[in-house]
Amino acid sequence: MIAAALVAHTGRMLLGAPDRAADAPGAAARPARLPLGTAAALVGGLLGGALLGLTTGPLAVLLEHAGAVLTAGAP
């Protein structure tokens, strides 16, 4: 129930309200589409983040040891 409410509300925030007829009161102009270059940059950033997440996974032990050295072994 909570997940459905979150999806419904965030869907409207991210995607906008459903289209109204152009002559309906309060109807706004259709928003501009996302340019291809911007979409490519966003997708590239997401893929780059995913790739970094996958490749730094094996470094977790090294990072834990470095953190232990910096914090003098405090948990």
Protein backbone atom coordinates (compact mmCIF):
# COMPACT_ATOMS: atom_id res chain seq x y z
CA MET A 1 0.00 0.00 0.00
CA ILE A 2 2.76 2.41 0.93
CA ALA A 3 4.80 1.51 -2.14
CA ALA A 4 1.80 2.12 -4.41
CA ALA A 5 1.24 5.56 -2.89
CA LEU A 6 4.91 6.45 -3.28
CA VAL A 7 4.93 5.34 -6.91
CA ALA A 8 1.76 7.29 -7.67
CA HIS A 9 2.96 10.52 -6.08
CA THR A 10 6.53 10.41 -7.35
CA GLY A 11 5.27 9.45 -10.80
CA ARG A 12 3.25 12.66 -10.96
CA MET A 13 6.19 14.69 -9.64
CA LEU A 14 8.68 13.22 -12.11
CA LEU A 15 6.47 12.73 -15.16
CA GLY A 16 3.97 15.55 -14.68
CA ALA A 17 0.22 15.46 -14.50
CA PRO A 18 -1.73 13.61 -17.21
CA ASP A 19 -2.25 15.61 -20.39
CA ARG A 20 -5.31 17.80 -20.54
CA ALA A 21 -7.11 18.90 -23.64
CA ALA A 22 -5.50 22.02 -25.14
CA ASP A 23 -8.70 24.01 -24.76
CA ALA A 24 -9.43 22.92 -21.17
CA PRO A 25 -9.23 25.59 -18.47
CA GLY A 26 -5.85 25.63 -16.78
CA ALA A 27 -4.19 23.62 -19.51
CA ALA A 28 -0.51 24.37 -19.93
CA ALA A 29 1.67 24.02 -22.96
CA ARG A 30 3.30 20.63 -23.40
CA PRO A 31 6.75 20.63 -21.77
CA ALA A 32 9.78 20.43 -24.01
CA ARG A 33 11.28 17.00 -24.60
CA LEU A 34 14.60 16.08 -23.06
CA PRO A 35 17.36 16.72 -25.62
CA LEU A 36 19.19 13.63 -26.85
CA GLY A 37 22.57 14.91 -25.62
CA THR A 38 21.22 15.45 -22.11
CA ALA A 39 19.60 12.02 -22.03
CA ALA A 40 22.83 10.42 -23.24
CA ALA A 41 24.82 12.21 -20.53
CA LEU A 42 22.38 11.09 -17.83
CA VAL A 43 22.41 7.48 -18.99
CA GLY A 44 26.20 7.55 -19.32
CA GLY A 45 26.51 8.84 -15.76
CA LEU A 46 24.27 6.09 -14.45
CA LEU A 47 26.21 3.43 -16.34
CA GLY A 48 29.52 4.89 -15.16
CA GLY A 49 28.32 4.84 -11.56
CA ALA A 50 27.20 1.24 -11.92
CA LEU A 51 30.54 0.28 -13.45
CA LEU A 52 32.44 1.96 -10.62
CA GLY A 53 30.23 0.21 -8.10
CA LEU A 54 31.01 -3.15 -9.64
CA THR A 55 34.74 -2.60 -10.01
CA THR A 56 35.31 -1.16 -6.53
CA GLY A 57 33.52 -4.07 -4.86
CA PRO A 58 36.74 -6.12 -4.63
CA LEU A 59 38.44 -3.11 -3.00
CA ALA A 60 36.10 -3.24 0.01
CA VAL A 61 38.60 -5.12 2.18
CA LEU A 62 41.36 -2.66 1.31
CA LEU A 63 39.10 0.28 2.15
CA GLU A 64 38.11 -1.31 5.48
CA HIS A 65 41.77 -1.77 6.43
CA ALA A 66 42.57 1.81 5.44
CA GLY A 67 39.67 3.04 7.56
CA ALA A 68 40.88 0.99 10.51
CA VAL A 69 44.34 2.53 10.19
CA LEU A 70 42.94 6.06 10.01
CA THR A 71 40.62 5.59 12.98
CA ALA A 72 43.17 3.60 15.02
CA GLY A 73 40.99 0.48 14.84
CA ALA A 74 37.86 2.10 16.32
CA PRO A 75 34.67 0.43 15.04
